[in-house]
Amino acid sequence: QVQLVESGGGLVQPGGPLRLSCAGSGNIFSINVMGWYRQAPGKQRELVALKTRGGTTNYADSVKGRFTISRDNAKNTVYLQMNSLKPEDTAVYYCNAGPSFGYLEYWGQGTQVTVSS
């Protein structure tokens, strides 16, 4: 089993930055992919960014150039640096992990990000 705990959400003004963290524990050493999805009210959960243990990334078009995913394999932690935030980035952000981009079997509880003035 793998446990994922997110932190770093909150309220931020449009144009501002915010950094999310997700710490993994348990049988995390078998996990190749870690990353983030988000779900806004009334919308389906969607990809934000994913990163493999080897460094390959996958970003949603809507966040390219604004968000950066990074990963500390030694600490089993993945980060999401979000810059130039927009109101449409408001959502619950979920950390996830799994063997491939298409199979993410572990999910955190989520952290709320609200972009508003």
N, C-alpha and C. Protein backbone atom coordinates (compact mmCIF):
# COMPACT_ATOMS: atom_id res chain seq x y z
N GLN A 1 0.82 -1.19 0.00
CA GLN A 1 0.00 0.00 0.00
C GLN A 1 0.86 1.25 0.00
N VAL A 2 0.29 2.30 -0.56
CA VAL A 2 0.97 3.59 -0.62
C VAL A 2 0.03 4.64 -0.05
N GLN A 3 0.55 5.51 0.78
CA GLN A 3 -0.22 6.63 1.33
C GLN A 3 0.37 7.93 0.80
N LEU A 4 -0.53 8.84 0.42
CA LEU A 4 -0.12 10.13 -0.12
C LEU A 4 -0.79 11.24 0.69
N VAL A 5 -0.01 12.21 1.13
CA VAL A 5 -0.53 13.31 1.92
C VAL A 5 -0.12 14.63 1.28
N GLU A 6 -1.14 15.40 0.87
CA GLU A 6 -0.88 16.69 0.23
C GLU A 6 -0.82 17.81 1.26
N SER A 7 -0.12 18.88 0.90
CA SER A 7 -0.10 20.10 1.72
C SER A 7 0.19 21.28 0.82
N GLY A 8 -0.11 22.48 1.33
CA GLY A 8 0.25 23.69 0.60
C GLY A 8 -0.89 24.41 -0.07
N GLY A 9 -2.09 23.88 -0.04
CA GLY A 9 -3.21 24.58 -0.65
C GLY A 9 -3.60 25.83 0.13
N GLY A 10 -4.47 26.62 -0.47
CA GLY A 10 -4.94 27.81 0.21
C GLY A 10 -5.53 28.81 -0.75
N LEU A 11 -5.68 30.03 -0.26
CA LEU A 11 -6.25 31.13 -1.04
C LEU A 11 -5.11 32.00 -1.56
N VAL A 12 -5.16 32.32 -2.84
CA VAL A 12 -4.13 33.15 -3.45
C VAL A 12 -4.79 34.09 -4.45
N GLN A 13 -4.21 35.25 -4.61
CA GLN A 13 -4.75 36.23 -5.56
C GLN A 13 -4.37 35.86 -6.99
N PRO A 14 -5.18 36.27 -7.95
CA PRO A 14 -4.82 36.03 -9.36
C PRO A 14 -3.43 36.59 -9.67
N GLY A 15 -2.66 35.80 -10.41
CA GLY A 15 -1.30 36.18 -10.74
C GLY A 15 -0.26 35.74 -9.73
N GLY A 16 -0.70 35.27 -8.60
CA GLY A 16 0.22 34.88 -7.54
C GLY A 16 0.71 33.45 -7.68
N PRO A 17 1.70 33.08 -6.84
CA PRO A 17 2.24 31.73 -6.84
C PRO A 17 1.73 30.91 -5.66
N LEU A 18 1.84 29.61 -5.81
CA LEU A 18 1.52 28.69 -4.72
C LEU A 18 2.27 27.39 -4.99
N ARG A 19 2.70 26.75 -3.94
CA ARG A 19 3.45 25.50 -4.09
C ARG A 19 2.77 24.40 -3.31
N LEU A 20 2.47 23.31 -3.98
CA LEU A 20 1.89 22.14 -3.35
C LEU A 20 2.97 21.08 -3.15
N SER A 21 2.80 20.33 -2.08
CA SER A 21 3.70 19.21 -1.80
C SER A 21 2.87 17.96 -1.56
N CYS A 22 3.47 16.82 -1.87
CA CYS A 22 2.81 15.54 -1.61
C CYS A 22 3.87 14.54 -1.16
N ALA A 23 3.71 14.07 0.05
CA ALA A 23 4.66 13.11 0.61
C ALA A 23 4.07 11.72 0.54
N GLY A 24 4.85 10.80 0.01
CA GLY A 24 4.41 9.43 -0.10
C GLY A 24 5.05 8.56 0.96
N SER A 25 4.32 7.54 1.41
CA SER A 25 4.86 6.58 2.37
C SER A 25 4.30 5.20 2.04
N GLY A 26 4.87 4.21 2.72
CA GLY A 26 4.46 2.84 2.43
C GLY A 26 5.35 2.24 1.35
N ASN A 27 4.79 1.45 0.48
CA ASN A 27 5.54 0.75 -0.55
C ASN A 27 5.78 1.67 -1.74
N ILE A 28 6.29 2.87 -1.44
CA ILE A 28 6.43 3.91 -2.46
C ILE A 28 7.57 3.63 -3.41
N PHE A 29 8.49 2.78 -3.03
CA PHE A 29 9.68 2.55 -3.85
C PHE A 29 9.34 1.84 -5.16
N SER A 30 8.16 1.24 -5.21
CA SER A 30 7.75 0.56 -6.44
C SER A 30 7.03 1.50 -7.40
N ILE A 31 6.82 2.75 -6.98
CA ILE A 31 6.02 3.66 -7.77
C ILE A 31 6.88 4.39 -8.80
N ASN A 32 6.44 4.39 -10.07
CA ASN A 32 7.16 5.07 -11.13
C ASN A 32 6.66 6.49 -11.34
N VAL A 33 5.36 6.67 -11.36
CA VAL A 33 4.78 7.97 -11.68
C VAL A 33 4.15 8.59 -10.43
N MET A 34 4.42 9.87 -10.24
CA MET A 34 3.74 10.66 -9.22
C MET A 34 3.32 11.98 -9.86
N GLY A 35 2.23 12.54 -9.35
CA GLY A 35 1.81 13.80 -9.93
C GLY A 35 0.52 14.31 -9.37
N TRP A 36 -0.15 15.13 -10.20
CA TRP A 36 -1.31 15.88 -9.74
C TRP A 36 -2.45 15.87 -10.76
N TYR A 37 -3.65 15.70 -10.24
CA TYR A 37 -4.88 15.95 -10.96
C TYR A 37 -5.63 17.03 -10.18
N ARG A 38 -6.67 17.57 -10.77
CA ARG A 38 -7.51 18.54 -10.07
C ARG A 38 -8.96 18.37 -10.49
N GLN A 39 -9.85 18.83 -9.61
CA GLN A 39 -11.27 18.78 -9.90
C GLN A 39 -11.93 20.06 -9.41
N ALA A 40 -12.49 20.80 -10.36
CA ALA A 40 -13.21 22.03 -10.05
C ALA A 40 -14.69 21.69 -9.82
N PRO A 41 -15.41 22.54 -9.10
CA PRO A 41 -16.84 22.28 -8.86
C PRO A 41 -17.61 22.08 -10.16
N GLY A 42 -18.36 20.99 -10.22
CA GLY A 42 -19.19 20.72 -11.39
C GLY A 42 -18.44 20.20 -12.59
N LYS A 43 -17.15 19.92 -12.44
CA LYS A 43 -16.34 19.45 -13.57
C LYS A 43 -15.70 18.11 -13.25
N GLN A 44 -15.26 17.44 -14.30
CA GLN A 44 -14.58 16.16 -14.11
C GLN A 44 -13.15 16.39 -13.64
N ARG A 45 -12.63 15.37 -12.98
CA ARG A 45 -11.23 15.43 -12.57
C ARG A 45 -10.35 15.43 -13.82
N GLU A 46 -9.31 16.26 -13.81
CA GLU A 46 -8.46 16.39 -14.99
C GLU A 46 -6.98 16.38 -14.63
N LEU A 47 -6.21 15.99 -15.60
CA LEU A 47 -4.75 15.97 -15.44
C LEU A 47 -4.22 17.38 -15.24
N VAL A 48 -3.24 17.50 -14.33
CA VAL A 48 -2.47 18.74 -14.20
C VAL A 48 -1.04 18.47 -14.67
N ALA A 49 -0.33 17.59 -13.96
CA ALA A 49 1.04 17.27 -14.32
C ALA A 49 1.45 15.96 -13.67
N LEU A 50 2.26 15.19 -14.39
CA LEU A 50 2.79 13.93 -13.89
C LEU A 50 4.28 13.86 -14.19
N LYS A 51 5.00 13.08 -13.38
CA LYS A 51 6.43 12.93 -13.60
C LYS A 51 6.86 11.52 -13.22
N THR A 52 7.68 10.91 -14.08
CA THR A 52 8.19 9.58 -13.79
C THR A 52 9.42 9.67 -12.89
N ARG A 53 9.78 8.54 -12.34
CA ARG A 53 10.97 8.49 -11.50
C ARG A 53 12.21 8.91 -12.30
N GLY A 54 12.20 8.62 -13.60
CA GLY A 54 13.33 8.97 -14.45
C GLY A 54 13.32 10.40 -14.96
N GLY A 55 12.21 11.14 -14.74
CA GLY A 55 12.19 12.55 -15.10
C GLY A 55 11.28 12.93 -16.25
N THR A 56 10.63 11.98 -16.90
CA THR A 56 9.70 12.32 -17.98
C THR A 56 8.46 12.97 -17.40
N THR A 57 8.01 14.06 -18.05
CA THR A 57 6.85 14.79 -17.55
C THR A 57 5.71 14.79 -18.55
N ASN A 58 4.53 15.05 -18.03
CA ASN A 58 3.32 15.17 -18.84
C ASN A 58 2.49 16.29 -18.22
N TYR A 59 2.27 17.36 -18.96
CA TYR A 59 1.53 18.51 -18.47
C TYR A 59 0.23 18.69 -19.26
N ALA A 60 -0.79 19.18 -18.60
CA ALA A 60 -1.98 19.64 -19.29
C ALA A 60 -1.63 20.92 -20.06
N ASP A 61 -2.23 21.09 -21.23
CA ASP A 61 -1.94 22.29 -22.03
C ASP A 61 -2.27 23.57 -21.26
N SER A 62 -3.29 23.50 -20.42
CA SER A 62 -3.75 24.70 -19.71
C SER A 62 -2.76 25.21 -18.67
N VAL A 63 -1.80 24.39 -18.28
CA VAL A 63 -0.85 24.81 -17.24
C VAL A 63 0.58 24.92 -17.75
N LYS A 64 0.82 24.52 -18.99
CA LYS A 64 2.18 24.59 -19.54
C LYS A 64 2.70 26.02 -19.50
N GLY A 65 3.93 26.17 -19.04
CA GLY A 65 4.55 27.48 -18.93
C GLY A 65 4.23 28.20 -17.64
N ARG A 66 3.27 27.70 -16.87
CA ARG A 66 2.91 28.33 -15.59
C ARG A 66 3.20 27.42 -14.41
N PHE A 67 2.99 26.14 -14.58
CA PHE A 67 3.19 25.17 -13.50
C PHE A 67 4.44 24.33 -13.78
N THR A 68 5.12 23.96 -12.71
CA THR A 68 6.29 23.09 -12.83
C THR A 68 6.20 21.97 -11.80
N ILE A 69 6.31 20.75 -12.27
CA ILE A 69 6.31 19.60 -11.37
C ILE A 69 7.75 19.19 -11.11
N SER A 70 8.04 18.87 -9.87
CA SER A 70 9.37 18.37 -9.51
C SER A 70 9.20 17.23 -8.52
N ARG A 71 10.27 16.50 -8.36
CA ARG A 71 10.15 15.29 -7.57
C ARG A 71 11.48 15.02 -6.87
N ASP A 72 11.39 14.66 -5.60
CA ASP A 72 12.56 14.23 -4.84
C ASP A 72 12.38 12.76 -4.55
N ASN A 73 13.02 11.93 -5.34
CA ASN A 73 12.84 10.49 -5.20
C ASN A 73 13.34 9.99 -3.84
N ALA A 74 14.39 10.60 -3.33
CA ALA A 74 14.94 10.18 -2.04
C ALA A 74 13.95 10.42 -0.90
N LYS A 75 13.14 11.48 -1.05
CA LYS A 75 12.16 11.82 -0.02
C LYS A 75 10.75 11.33 -0.37
N ASN A 76 10.61 10.67 -1.52
CA ASN A 76 9.30 10.19 -1.97
C ASN A 76 8.27 11.32 -1.98
N THR A 77 8.70 12.46 -2.46
CA THR A 77 7.86 13.65 -2.44
C THR A 77 7.80 14.26 -3.83
N VAL A 78 6.60 14.72 -4.19
CA VAL A 78 6.42 15.42 -5.45
C VAL A 78 5.87 16.81 -5.15
N TYR A 79 6.29 17.78 -5.93
CA TYR A 79 5.91 19.18 -5.73
C TYR A 79 5.23 19.72 -6.99
N LEU A 80 4.41 20.72 -6.79
CA LEU A 80 3.82 21.43 -7.92
C LEU A 80 3.96 22.92 -7.65
N GLN A 81 4.85 23.56 -8.38
CA GLN A 81 5.00 25.00 -8.29
C GLN A 81 4.06 25.64 -9.29
N MET A 82 3.14 26.43 -8.78
CA MET A 82 2.13 27.06 -9.62
C MET A 82 2.36 28.57 -9.62
N ASN A 83 2.60 29.11 -10.80
CA ASN A 83 2.80 30.55 -10.97
C ASN A 83 1.72 31.13 -11.87
N SER A 84 1.58 32.43 -11.83
CA SER A 84 0.60 33.13 -12.67
C SER A 84 -0.78 32.47 -12.56
N LEU A 85 -1.20 32.24 -11.34
CA LEU A 85 -2.46 31.54 -11.12
C LEU A 85 -3.65 32.35 -11.61
N LYS A 86 -4.64 31.63 -12.12
CA LYS A 86 -5.86 32.22 -12.66
C LYS A 86 -7.06 31.71 -11.86
N PRO A 87 -8.15 32.47 -11.86
CA PRO A 87 -9.35 31.98 -11.15
C PRO A 87 -9.79 30.58 -11.63
N GLU A 88 -9.57 30.29 -12.90
CA GLU A 88 -9.96 28.97 -13.41
C GLU A 88 -9.07 27.83 -12.92
N ASP A 89 -8.01 28.16 -12.21
CA ASP A 89 -7.19 27.13 -11.56
C ASP A 89 -7.78 26.69 -10.22
N THR A 90 -8.83 27.36 -9.78
CA THR A 90 -9.48 27.00 -8.54
C THR A 90 -10.04 25.58 -8.63
N ALA A 91 -9.63 24.74 -7.68
CA ALA A 91 -10.03 23.34 -7.69
C ALA A 91 -9.47 22.65 -6.46
N VAL A 92 -9.92 21.43 -6.26
CA VAL A 92 -9.25 20.55 -5.31
C VAL A 92 -8.16 19.81 -6.08
N TYR A 93 -6.95 19.89 -5.57
CA TYR A 93 -5.81 19.26 -6.23
C TYR A 93 -5.47 17.96 -5.52
N TYR A 94 -5.39 16.89 -6.31
CA TYR A 94 -5.14 15.56 -5.78
C TYR A 94 -3.77 15.05 -6.22
N CYS A 95 -3.02 14.58 -5.26
CA CYS A 95 -1.78 13.89 -5.55
C CYS A 95 -2.11 12.45 -5.95
N ASN A 96 -1.33 11.90 -6.87
CA ASN A 96 -1.57 10.52 -7.27
C ASN A 96 -0.26 9.83 -7.61
N ALA A 97 -0.33 8.51 -7.68
CA ALA A 97 0.87 7.73 -7.94
C ALA A 97 0.48 6.39 -8.54
N GLY A 98 1.39 5.85 -9.36
CA GLY A 98 1.13 4.57 -9.97
C GLY A 98 2.26 4.15 -10.89
N PRO A 99 2.09 3.04 -11.56
CA PRO A 99 3.16 2.51 -12.41
C PRO A 99 3.32 3.21 -13.75
N SER A 100 2.28 3.89 -14.23
CA SER A 100 2.37 4.54 -15.54
C SER A 100 1.43 5.74 -15.60
N PHE A 101 1.59 6.55 -16.65
CA PHE A 101 0.72 7.71 -16.82
C PHE A 101 -0.75 7.29 -16.89
N GLY A 102 -1.01 6.13 -17.45
CA GLY A 102 -2.39 5.71 -17.63
C GLY A 102 -2.95 4.88 -16.49
N TYR A 103 -2.14 4.61 -15.50
CA TYR A 103 -2.60 3.79 -14.39
C TYR A 103 -2.08 4.37 -13.08
N LEU A 104 -2.94 5.18 -12.45
CA LEU A 104 -2.60 5.86 -11.20
C LEU A 104 -3.51 5.28 -10.12
N GLU A 105 -2.99 4.32 -9.38
CA GLU A 105 -3.84 3.56 -8.47
C GLU A 105 -3.93 4.14 -7.07
N TYR A 106 -3.08 5.10 -6.75
CA TYR A 106 -3.09 5.67 -5.41
C TYR A 106 -3.41 7.16 -5.49
N TRP A 107 -4.26 7.60 -4.55
CA TRP A 107 -4.69 9.00 -4.54
C TRP A 107 -4.66 9.55 -3.12
N GLY A 108 -4.30 10.83 -3.01
CA GLY A 108 -4.40 11.51 -1.74
C GLY A 108 -5.80 12.02 -1.50
N GLN A 109 -5.99 12.71 -0.37
CA GLN A 109 -7.31 13.20 0.00
C GLN A 109 -7.65 14.52 -0.69
N GLY A 110 -6.65 15.20 -1.20
CA GLY A 110 -6.89 16.45 -1.90
C GLY A 110 -6.64 17.67 -1.04
N THR A 111 -6.24 18.75 -1.70
CA THR A 111 -6.04 20.03 -1.04
C THR A 111 -6.68 21.13 -1.88
N GLN A 112 -7.40 22.02 -1.23
CA GLN A 112 -8.14 23.05 -1.94
C GLN A 112 -7.21 24.20 -2.33
N VAL A 113 -7.31 24.61 -3.59
CA VAL A 113 -6.63 25.80 -4.09
C VAL A 113 -7.70 26.75 -4.61
N THR A 114 -7.73 27.95 -4.06
CA THR A 114 -8.70 28.96 -4.47
C THR A 114 -7.96 30.20 -4.95
N VAL A 115 -8.24 30.59 -6.19
CA VAL A 115 -7.61 31.77 -6.77
C VAL A 115 -8.68 32.85 -6.90
N SER A 116 -8.56 33.86 -6.07
CA SER A 116 -9.59 34.89 -6.02
C SER A 116 -9.03 36.16 -5.42
N SER A 117 -9.57 37.29 -5.88
CA SER A 117 -9.17 38.57 -5.29
C SER A 117 -10.12 38.98 -4.18
